[in-house]
Amino acid sequence: MMPNPLFDDSLPQLVATLTSLAGRNFVEGGTVLRDASGRLSFVANRAPQDGNEREALSRALIETLGPYARTDRPISFRGDGGTEPILSASERLPVKVGNGFCHLLDRRIVGAGWLDSPTAKQANPPRVVFATLKGGVGRSTALAVAAADFARRNLNVLVVDLDLEAPGLGDLLLNADQTPEFGAIDYLVENGMGGVPDSSLHAYIGSSGLTAPGGGRVDVLPALGRRSLINPENVLPKLSRAMIEDIVNDRVVPVVEKISSMISRITEREQYDAVFIDSRAGLSELAAPAVLGLGAKVLLFGTAQKQTIEAYRALFAALRLIAQRDRDQGRDAEWRTMLRPVYAKASLDAAVSERFIDDMYELYSEYIYDEESNGEDAPDSLRFARDDESAPHWPLIVPFNQSFVDFDPARVPGQLIQSFYEQTYRPFLSELETEISSSMTAGGSKS
């Protein structure tokens, strides 16, 4: 008796079983449906050839897939009830399975945000997401330093804390008197209930002490406002409701649209040169809107450790399917150029730095860049050489500095003066300023 397949085995076994019984064209023309529990069924893009085909294929899938087969309806054919929306669904993913191929429609309860279509158009004012797949790599520190440096250059910055499950950026940049009444969690909850009027938006923004007379302004939308700090017992109940879809006039409003609208409404109140967004670490549902949906440059912070590289691999493998879906539907998937790694806590060992660059190029080549065709790149393909320092895979660098281990500018304001951070962060800041300047020029923002 064959053992039951595991999750990783289920899709290849479905494809292999149907290919052997009905042919490759049958499989590639239809759609595999994976339900929220992980069970699989198949929708064929034609009518059954005879009365026995449905029964034979259904029996084969149930026997092969075991608990991963949808037993009530393992196979459907075009013309059966409910099949048309599945066969034409724009969210179907083109998946390579062994030497074959199939379309997969993946129904998820958790992690559905990673299936959304990325926003390719850059927002104005330009947005930069500070993201990471592992915590403790200096993501929030780099954001705070960048905000301080931009303000020193007479640029206005809005800082948004979207690390809703582990908030802290507000504490880095705001003291108790500067903390606004409400935060991002409150906005996402209240906007879904009765809406947040324009007249109330000021209550969500605090002006940081980094704002100096005659200089640029640093405004902060923290995750938590004073109301949450006074009523901490309400933080978890609010968080559970902040990250669900809204229903407005019978229309479902996705979480990413809620967040992007929140940022847009606030940037329309005041003139900002850039928006810096602190994202949730890892591959959680909270990270997806920031990485894919805000029209932002996404800085992916990580160290030169294997755990970082493998976490990148899991993310990039999922993004490759999204890019393939875009290309199949006639979009260029240029959003891939907005992903940029940051080598954080970088070693002074040149060999380690070269290894990190090699790792990044291997990952981008396999998952982010387009494949070579007969050894040559198509004219519109996304492809770069390993040593191209302007390419998306080439990392920005933040060297390790022991002085930033206990970074706490709210208690030690001197940690955000230029003389303290200059040597460590100037190369990173120069690259970031170049990115922002080019985005402001393209978008027409003030300089």
Protein backbone atom coordinates (compact mmCIF):
# COMPACT_ATOMS: atom_id res chain seq x y z
CA MET A 1 0.00 0.00 0.00
CA MET A 2 1.41 3.36 -1.02
CA PRO A 3 1.79 5.91 1.81
CA ASN A 4 -0.35 9.01 1.67
CA PRO A 5 1.31 11.95 -0.09
CA LEU A 6 2.39 15.05 1.79
CA PHE A 7 1.63 18.64 0.80
CA ASP A 8 4.78 18.93 -1.33
CA ASP A 9 3.87 15.73 -3.18
CA SER A 10 0.21 16.45 -3.85
CA LEU A 11 0.39 18.82 -6.84
CA PRO A 12 3.09 16.86 -8.72
CA GLN A 13 1.12 13.65 -8.19
CA LEU A 14 -2.10 15.23 -9.48
CA VAL A 15 -0.32 16.48 -12.59
CA ALA A 16 1.42 13.14 -13.16
CA THR A 17 -1.81 11.15 -12.71
CA LEU A 18 -3.91 13.26 -15.07
CA THR A 19 -1.12 13.51 -17.64
CA SER A 20 -0.77 9.73 -17.78
CA LEU A 21 -4.52 9.19 -18.16
CA ALA A 22 -5.66 12.19 -20.24
CA GLY A 23 -2.54 13.78 -21.72
CA ARG A 24 -0.44 16.89 -21.19
CA ASN A 25 -2.76 19.21 -23.16
CA PHE A 26 -5.63 18.19 -20.90
CA VAL A 27 -3.67 19.21 -17.80
CA GLU A 28 -2.20 22.41 -19.20
CA GLY A 29 -5.55 23.59 -20.52
CA GLY A 30 -7.37 23.22 -17.21
CA THR A 31 -7.03 24.60 -13.69
CA VAL A 32 -6.02 22.97 -10.42
CA LEU A 33 -8.02 24.30 -7.48
CA ARG A 34 -6.42 24.07 -4.05
CA ASP A 35 -8.91 24.85 -1.27
CA ALA A 36 -8.14 26.54 2.03
CA SER A 37 -7.34 23.23 3.73
CA GLY A 38 -4.95 22.17 0.94
CA ARG A 39 -7.18 19.65 -0.84
CA LEU A 40 -6.96 19.54 -4.63
CA SER A 41 -9.45 19.22 -7.43
CA PHE A 42 -9.17 19.76 -11.18
CA VAL A 43 -11.35 21.69 -13.62
CA ALA A 44 -10.94 20.55 -17.24
CA ASN A 45 -11.30 23.03 -20.07
CA ARG A 46 -13.54 20.74 -22.12
CA ALA A 47 -16.51 18.45 -21.80
CA PRO A 48 -15.98 14.79 -20.85
CA GLN A 49 -15.27 12.50 -23.80
CA ASP A 50 -17.72 9.85 -22.57
CA GLY A 51 -19.73 8.87 -19.54
CA ASN A 52 -16.90 6.90 -17.98
CA GLU A 53 -14.15 9.56 -18.10
CA ARG A 54 -15.35 11.57 -15.10
CA GLU A 55 -15.63 8.48 -12.90
CA ALA A 56 -12.27 7.04 -13.97
CA LEU A 57 -10.34 10.27 -13.42
CA SER A 58 -12.10 10.96 -10.11
CA ARG A 59 -11.27 7.52 -8.80
CA ALA A 60 -7.63 7.87 -9.87
CA LEU A 61 -7.22 11.21 -8.11
CA ILE A 62 -8.79 9.97 -4.88
CA GLU A 63 -6.58 6.88 -4.87
CA THR A 64 -3.43 8.83 -5.67
CA LEU A 65 -3.88 11.91 -3.52
CA GLY A 66 -5.47 10.34 -0.47
CA PRO A 67 -6.28 13.08 2.08
CA TYR A 68 -5.22 15.76 -0.43
CA ALA A 69 -8.06 14.90 -2.83
CA ARG A 70 -11.36 16.73 -2.67
CA THR A 71 -13.50 13.63 -2.49
CA ASP A 72 -16.89 15.24 -3.14
CA ARG A 73 -15.84 16.65 -6.52
CA PRO A 74 -12.27 15.74 -7.48
CA ILE A 75 -12.78 16.62 -11.14
CA SER A 76 -15.13 18.92 -13.05
CA PHE A 77 -15.52 19.73 -16.71
CA ARG A 78 -16.34 22.92 -18.58
CA GLY A 79 -20.09 23.37 -18.46
CA ASP A 80 -20.45 22.07 -14.90
CA GLY A 81 -21.83 24.62 -12.48
CA GLY A 82 -19.24 27.05 -11.15
CA THR A 83 -16.44 26.10 -13.52
CA GLU A 84 -16.35 29.20 -15.73
CA PRO A 85 -15.08 31.61 -13.04
CA ILE A 86 -12.35 29.14 -12.11
CA LEU A 87 -11.13 28.61 -15.67
CA SER A 88 -11.02 32.34 -16.36
CA ALA A 89 -9.77 33.55 -12.96
CA SER A 90 -7.09 36.22 -13.36
CA GLU A 91 -5.42 35.13 -10.12
CA ARG A 92 -4.49 31.68 -11.50
CA LEU A 93 -0.77 31.00 -11.12
CA PRO A 94 1.24 29.32 -13.91
CA VAL A 95 3.23 26.60 -12.13
CA LYS A 96 5.98 24.43 -13.60
CA VAL A 97 5.68 20.89 -12.26
CA GLY A 98 8.54 18.60 -13.26
CA ASN A 99 8.58 18.61 -17.05
CA GLY A 100 4.95 19.71 -17.14
CA PHE A 101 2.92 22.79 -16.39
CA CYS A 102 -0.42 23.64 -14.83
CA HIS A 103 -2.54 26.60 -13.77
CA LEU A 104 -3.12 26.72 -10.01
CA LEU A 105 -5.87 28.65 -8.24
CA ASP A 106 -4.79 28.73 -4.60
CA ARG A 107 -7.53 29.59 -2.11
CA ARG A 108 -6.03 30.83 1.17
CA ILE A 109 -7.40 32.10 4.43
CA VAL A 110 -3.99 33.17 5.75
CA GLY A 111 -1.35 34.53 3.37
CA ALA A 112 -3.76 35.55 0.62
CA GLY A 113 -2.06 38.94 0.42
CA TRP A 114 0.96 37.29 -1.23
CA LEU A 115 -1.28 36.39 -4.19
CA ASP A 116 -2.37 39.98 -4.91
CA SER A 117 -1.19 41.69 -8.08
CA PRO A 118 1.78 43.93 -7.23
CA THR A 119 1.49 47.67 -7.76
CA ALA A 120 3.94 48.54 -10.52
CA LYS A 121 3.40 52.31 -10.62
CA GLN A 122 5.57 54.23 -8.17
CA ALA A 123 3.65 56.40 -5.76
CA ASN A 124 4.11 60.15 -5.43
CA PRO A 125 5.63 61.25 -3.12
CA PRO A 126 8.00 58.29 -3.42
CA ARG A 127 7.59 55.54 -0.86
CA VAL A 128 10.38 53.37 0.53
CA VAL A 129 9.57 50.20 2.47
CA PHE A 130 12.14 49.03 4.99
CA ALA A 131 11.51 45.29 5.15
CA THR A 132 13.29 42.24 6.47
CA LEU A 133 12.79 38.50 6.57
CA LYS A 134 14.58 38.13 9.91
CA GLY A 135 14.40 40.44 12.90
CA GLY A 136 17.31 42.17 14.58
CA VAL A 137 19.15 43.27 11.44
CA GLY A 138 18.86 47.04 11.93
CA ARG A 139 15.90 47.79 9.68
CA SER A 140 14.22 50.30 12.00
CA THR A 141 17.56 51.82 12.96
CA ALA A 142 18.36 52.49 9.30
CA LEU A 143 14.94 54.06 8.80
CA ALA A 144 15.39 56.39 11.78
CA VAL A 145 18.85 57.43 10.59
CA ALA A 146 17.53 58.03 7.05
CA ALA A 147 14.67 60.19 8.37
CA ALA A 148 17.10 62.26 10.45
CA ASP A 149 19.45 62.71 7.51
CA PHE A 150 16.70 63.70 5.09
CA ALA A 151 15.36 66.28 7.56
CA ARG A 152 18.88 67.66 7.90
CA ARG A 153 18.88 68.14 4.12
CA ASN A 154 15.66 70.20 4.39
CA LEU A 155 13.44 67.40 3.11
CA ASN A 156 10.06 66.53 4.63
CA VAL A 157 9.51 62.89 5.51
CA LEU A 158 6.45 60.93 6.63
CA VAL A 159 7.37 57.82 8.64
CA VAL A 160 4.73 55.08 8.85
CA ASP A 161 4.96 52.16 11.28
CA LEU A 162 3.27 49.15 9.67
CA ASP A 163 4.96 46.68 12.00
CA LEU A 164 1.61 46.36 13.72
CA GLU A 165 2.39 43.12 15.57
CA ALA A 166 5.68 44.42 16.99
CA PRO A 167 5.38 48.21 17.01
CA GLY A 168 8.31 50.29 18.16
CA LEU A 169 9.17 52.92 15.59
CA GLY A 170 6.97 55.46 17.36
CA ASP A 171 9.04 54.96 20.53
CA LEU A 172 12.23 55.54 18.54
CA LEU A 173 11.11 58.85 17.04
CA LEU A 174 8.46 60.28 19.38
CA ASN A 175 8.46 61.10 23.05
CA ALA A 176 5.28 60.92 25.14
CA ASP A 177 4.29 64.53 24.42
CA GLN A 178 4.72 64.06 20.65
CA THR A 179 2.74 60.81 20.37
CA PRO A 180 -0.57 61.43 18.57
CA GLU A 181 -3.90 60.36 19.97
CA PHE A 182 -4.33 57.58 17.40
CA GLY A 183 -2.10 55.29 15.34
CA ALA A 184 -2.24 53.16 12.19
CA ILE A 185 -4.11 50.37 14.00
CA ASP A 186 -6.83 52.83 15.03
CA TYR A 187 -7.14 54.19 11.49
CA LEU A 188 -7.59 50.74 9.96
CA VAL A 189 -10.24 49.83 12.54
CA GLU A 190 -12.18 53.09 12.57
CA ASN A 191 -12.12 53.53 8.79
CA GLY A 192 -13.84 50.16 8.46
CA MET A 193 -16.55 51.08 10.95
CA GLY A 194 -17.65 54.59 10.10
CA GLY A 195 -14.78 56.15 8.21
CA VAL A 196 -12.08 58.58 9.33
CA PRO A 197 -13.01 62.16 8.34
CA ASP A 198 -10.37 64.47 6.88
CA SER A 199 -10.78 66.75 9.87
CA SER A 200 -9.50 63.98 12.17
CA LEU A 201 -6.37 62.98 10.23
CA HIS A 202 -4.16 65.36 12.23
CA ALA A 203 -4.86 63.24 15.32
CA TYR A 204 -2.94 60.34 13.75
CA ILE A 205 0.32 62.22 13.16
CA GLY A 206 3.03 63.24 15.59
CA SER A 207 5.88 65.60 14.77
CA SER A 208 9.23 64.08 15.75
CA GLY A 209 11.96 65.89 17.64
CA LEU A 210 14.02 65.41 14.47
CA THR A 211 12.03 68.33 13.07
CA ALA A 212 14.20 71.41 13.59
CA PRO A 213 13.60 75.11 12.92
CA GLY A 214 14.66 75.92 9.39
CA GLY A 215 15.09 72.25 8.49
CA GLY A 216 12.94 69.49 7.10
CA ARG A 217 10.02 67.94 8.96
CA VAL A 218 9.73 64.35 10.20
CA ASP A 219 6.12 63.39 10.86
CA VAL A 220 5.29 59.97 12.27
CA LEU A 221 2.22 57.78 11.91
CA PRO A 222 2.96 55.28 14.71
CA ALA A 223 1.35 51.88 14.97
CA LEU A 224 -0.04 52.79 18.39
CA GLY A 225 -1.33 56.17 19.54
CA ARG A 226 -1.95 57.47 23.06
CA ARG A 227 -5.38 55.85 23.20
CA SER A 228 -3.80 52.43 22.79
CA LEU A 229 -1.10 53.19 25.34
CA ILE A 230 -3.77 54.23 27.86
CA ASN A 231 -5.93 51.20 27.02
CA PRO A 232 -3.39 48.44 26.26
CA GLU A 233 -6.02 45.74 26.77
CA ASN A 234 -7.60 46.89 23.50
CA VAL A 235 -4.48 46.54 21.33
CA LEU A 236 -4.91 42.86 20.47
CA PRO A 237 -8.67 43.15 19.80
CA LYS A 238 -8.00 46.13 17.51
CA LEU A 239 -5.15 44.36 15.73
CA SER A 240 -7.37 41.38 14.91
CA ARG A 241 -9.80 43.77 13.19
CA ALA A 242 -7.28 46.09 11.56
CA MET A 243 -6.07 43.44 9.11
CA ILE A 244 -9.43 42.29 7.74
CA GLU A 245 -11.11 43.51 4.58
CA ASP A 246 -13.70 46.28 4.75
CA ILE A 247 -17.08 46.24 3.03
CA VAL A 248 -17.97 49.64 1.57
CA ASN A 249 -21.15 49.99 -0.52
CA ASP A 250 -21.20 46.23 -1.08
CA ARG A 251 -17.60 46.31 -2.34
CA VAL A 252 -14.79 44.39 -0.65
CA VAL A 253 -11.86 46.69 0.13
CA PRO A 254 -8.62 44.67 0.46
CA VAL A 255 -6.20 45.40 3.29
CA VAL A 256 -3.55 46.68 0.89
CA GLU A 257 -6.00 49.23 -0.52
CA LYS A 258 -6.89 50.35 3.00
CA ILE A 259 -3.23 50.92 3.86
CA SER A 260 -2.35 52.67 0.60
CA SER A 261 -5.38 54.94 0.92
CA MET A 262 -4.42 55.78 4.51
CA ILE A 263 -0.94 56.88 3.41
CA SER A 264 -2.29 58.81 0.41
CA ARG A 265 -4.82 60.72 2.51
CA ILE A 266 -2.14 61.79 4.97
CA THR A 267 0.37 62.82 2.28
CA GLU A 268 -2.34 64.93 0.64
CA ARG A 269 -2.63 67.02 3.85
CA GLU A 270 1.02 68.12 3.88
CA GLN A 271 3.84 68.26 1.36
CA TYR A 272 6.29 65.40 1.82
CA ASP A 273 9.36 64.54 -0.20
CA ALA A 274 9.37 60.88 0.80
CA VAL A 275 7.44 58.30 2.81
CA PHE A 276 9.45 55.78 4.83
CA ILE A 277 7.48 52.68 5.81
CA ASP A 278 8.56 50.19 8.47
CA SER A 279 7.20 46.77 7.50
CA ARG A 280 6.47 43.64 9.52
CA ALA A 281 9.38 41.22 9.48
CA GLY A 282 9.08 37.82 7.80
CA LEU A 283 6.54 36.32 5.42
CA SER A 284 3.42 37.04 7.47
CA GLU A 285 0.17 38.39 6.04
CA LEU A 286 1.07 41.79 7.50
CA ALA A 287 4.21 42.03 5.36
CA ALA A 288 2.53 41.39 1.99
CA PRO A 289 0.78 44.76 1.49
CA ALA A 290 3.99 46.70 2.16
CA VAL A 291 6.17 44.55 -0.11
CA LEU A 292 3.73 44.21 -3.02
CA GLY A 293 1.00 46.80 -2.87
CA LEU A 294 2.25 50.30 -2.06
CA GLY A 295 4.10 51.25 -5.26
CA ALA A 296 7.26 51.55 -3.15
CA LYS A 297 10.92 50.85 -3.43
CA VAL A 298 11.36 47.81 -1.18
CA LEU A 299 14.64 47.50 0.74
CA LEU A 300 15.06 43.92 1.94
CA PHE A 301 17.45 43.96 4.90
CA GLY A 302 19.40 40.82 5.69
CA THR A 303 22.71 39.45 6.89
CA ALA A 304 25.10 37.16 5.01
CA GLN A 305 23.84 34.07 6.83
CA LYS A 306 22.31 30.97 5.30
CA GLN A 307 19.03 31.56 7.16
CA THR A 308 18.68 34.92 5.40
CA ILE A 309 19.42 33.46 1.97
CA GLU A 310 16.91 30.64 2.40
CA ALA A 311 14.25 33.06 3.60
CA TYR A 312 14.87 35.15 0.47
CA ARG A 313 14.50 31.96 -1.58
CA ALA A 314 11.05 31.23 -0.14
CA LEU A 315 9.88 34.78 -0.87
CA PHE A 316 11.39 35.01 -4.34
CA ALA A 317 10.03 31.62 -5.41
CA ALA A 318 6.53 32.88 -4.62
CA LEU A 319 7.18 36.17 -6.43
CA ARG A 320 8.36 34.32 -9.52
CA LEU A 321 4.88 32.82 -9.90
CA ILE A 322 3.35 36.30 -9.61
CA ALA A 323 5.73 37.63 -12.28
CA GLN A 324 4.91 34.73 -14.59
CA ARG A 325 1.22 35.43 -14.11
CA ASP A 326 1.79 39.08 -15.01
CA ARG A 327 3.69 38.18 -18.16
CA ASP A 328 1.03 35.64 -19.20
CA GLN A 329 -1.59 38.38 -18.88
CA GLY A 330 0.38 40.90 -20.92
CA ARG A 331 1.98 42.92 -18.08
CA ASP A 332 5.71 43.56 -17.94
CA ALA A 333 6.16 42.83 -14.20
CA GLU A 334 8.46 45.82 -13.84
CA TRP A 335 7.68 45.85 -10.12
CA ARG A 336 10.54 43.37 -9.79
CA THR A 337 13.03 46.21 -10.28
CA MET A 338 11.72 47.85 -7.10
CA LEU A 339 13.13 45.06 -4.88
CA ARG A 340 16.62 45.82 -3.57
CA PRO A 341 18.61 43.84 -0.98
CA VAL A 342 20.46 45.55 1.86
CA TYR A 343 23.49 43.78 3.29
CA ALA A 344 23.01 44.70 6.95
CA LYS A 345 25.60 44.38 9.71
CA ALA A 346 28.06 43.81 6.90
CA SER A 347 31.36 42.14 7.65
CA LEU A 348 34.70 43.77 6.92
CA ASP A 349 35.75 40.45 5.36
CA ALA A 350 35.74 41.00 1.58
CA ALA A 351 35.23 37.29 0.94
CA VAL A 352 31.98 37.31 2.93
CA SER A 353 30.74 40.37 1.02
CA GLU A 354 31.52 38.70 -2.30
CA ARG A 355 29.66 35.59 -1.17
CA PHE A 356 26.62 37.68 -0.29
CA ILE A 357 26.67 39.31 -3.74
CA ASP A 358 27.01 35.87 -5.34
CA ASP A 359 24.07 34.58 -3.30
CA MET A 360 21.92 37.56 -4.27
CA TYR A 361 22.75 37.21 -7.95
CA GLU A 362 21.96 33.50 -7.89
CA LEU A 363 18.58 34.15 -6.25
CA TYR A 364 17.64 37.04 -8.54
CA SER A 365 18.76 35.08 -11.61
CA GLU A 366 16.70 32.03 -10.68
CA TYR A 367 13.55 33.70 -9.39
CA ILE A 368 13.35 37.44 -10.16
CA TYR A 369 15.05 37.90 -13.52
CA ASP A 370 13.70 36.45 -16.75
CA GLU A 371 15.21 33.25 -18.06
CA GLU A 372 17.64 33.37 -20.94
CA SER A 373 16.22 32.16 -24.26
CA ASN A 374 18.71 30.03 -26.21
CA GLY A 375 21.54 31.72 -24.34
CA GLU A 376 20.34 35.22 -25.29
CA ASP A 377 18.12 37.78 -23.62
CA ALA A 378 14.96 38.96 -25.36
CA PRO A 379 14.90 42.74 -25.98
CA ASP A 380 12.33 43.34 -23.24
CA SER A 381 13.61 40.77 -20.75
CA LEU A 382 14.61 41.67 -17.22
CA ARG A 383 18.19 40.48 -16.95
CA PHE A 384 21.41 41.92 -15.55
CA ALA A 385 25.06 40.95 -15.28
CA ARG A 386 26.44 39.85 -11.93
CA ASP A 387 28.79 42.86 -11.59
CA ASP A 388 26.25 45.51 -12.66
CA GLU A 389 26.15 47.75 -9.58
CA SER A 390 23.00 49.51 -10.83
CA ALA A 391 21.07 46.24 -11.04
CA PRO A 392 18.32 45.30 -8.58
CA HIS A 393 20.35 42.43 -7.11
CA TRP A 394 23.31 44.64 -6.15
CA PRO A 395 23.01 45.24 -2.40
CA LEU A 396 23.12 48.47 -0.48
CA ILE A 397 25.51 48.06 2.43
CA VAL A 398 25.28 48.97 6.12
CA PRO A 399 28.47 47.86 7.90
CA PHE A 400 28.35 46.46 11.42
CA ASN A 401 29.04 49.01 14.14
CA GLN A 402 28.98 48.07 17.81
CA SER A 403 27.80 51.60 18.70
CA PHE A 404 24.34 50.87 17.21
CA VAL A 405 23.68 47.69 19.23
CA ASP A 406 21.91 49.72 21.94
CA PHE A 407 20.35 52.25 19.56
CA ASP A 408 17.72 54.22 21.51
CA PRO A 409 17.53 57.83 20.25
CA ALA A 410 14.44 58.63 22.33
CA ARG A 411 16.67 58.34 25.42
CA VAL A 412 19.99 59.22 23.77
CA PRO A 413 19.20 61.99 21.23
CA GLY A 414 22.86 62.24 20.23
CA GLN A 415 22.55 58.93 18.38
CA LEU A 416 20.77 60.75 15.53
CA ILE A 417 23.27 63.55 15.05
CA GLN A 418 25.25 63.37 11.85
CA SER A 419 28.65 62.88 13.46
CA PHE A 420 27.38 59.71 15.18
CA TYR A 421 25.95 57.92 12.14
CA GLU A 422 27.92 59.45 9.27
CA GLN A 423 30.75 56.94 8.87
CA THR A 424 28.51 53.88 9.19
CA TYR A 425 25.53 54.99 7.13
CA ARG A 426 26.78 57.46 4.51
CA PRO A 427 27.17 54.92 1.64
CA PHE A 428 23.67 53.57 2.34
CA LEU A 429 22.21 57.06 2.63
CA SER A 430 23.85 58.23 -0.60
CA GLU A 431 22.31 55.30 -2.49
CA LEU A 432 18.93 55.95 -0.90
CA GLU A 433 19.09 59.65 -1.74
CA THR A 434 19.85 58.77 -5.36
CA GLU A 435 16.80 56.51 -5.48
CA ILE A 436 14.56 59.16 -3.92
CA SER A 437 15.91 61.98 -6.12
CA SER A 438 15.27 60.01 -9.28
CA SER A 439 11.74 59.14 -8.10
CA MET A 440 11.00 62.77 -7.17
CA THR A 441 12.21 63.94 -10.58
CA ALA A 442 10.02 61.36 -12.34
CA GLY A 443 7.02 62.06 -10.12
CA GLY A 444 7.28 65.84 -10.07
CA SER A 445 7.71 66.17 -6.31
CA LYS A 446 9.56 69.14 -4.90
CA SER A 447 13.28 68.89 -4.33
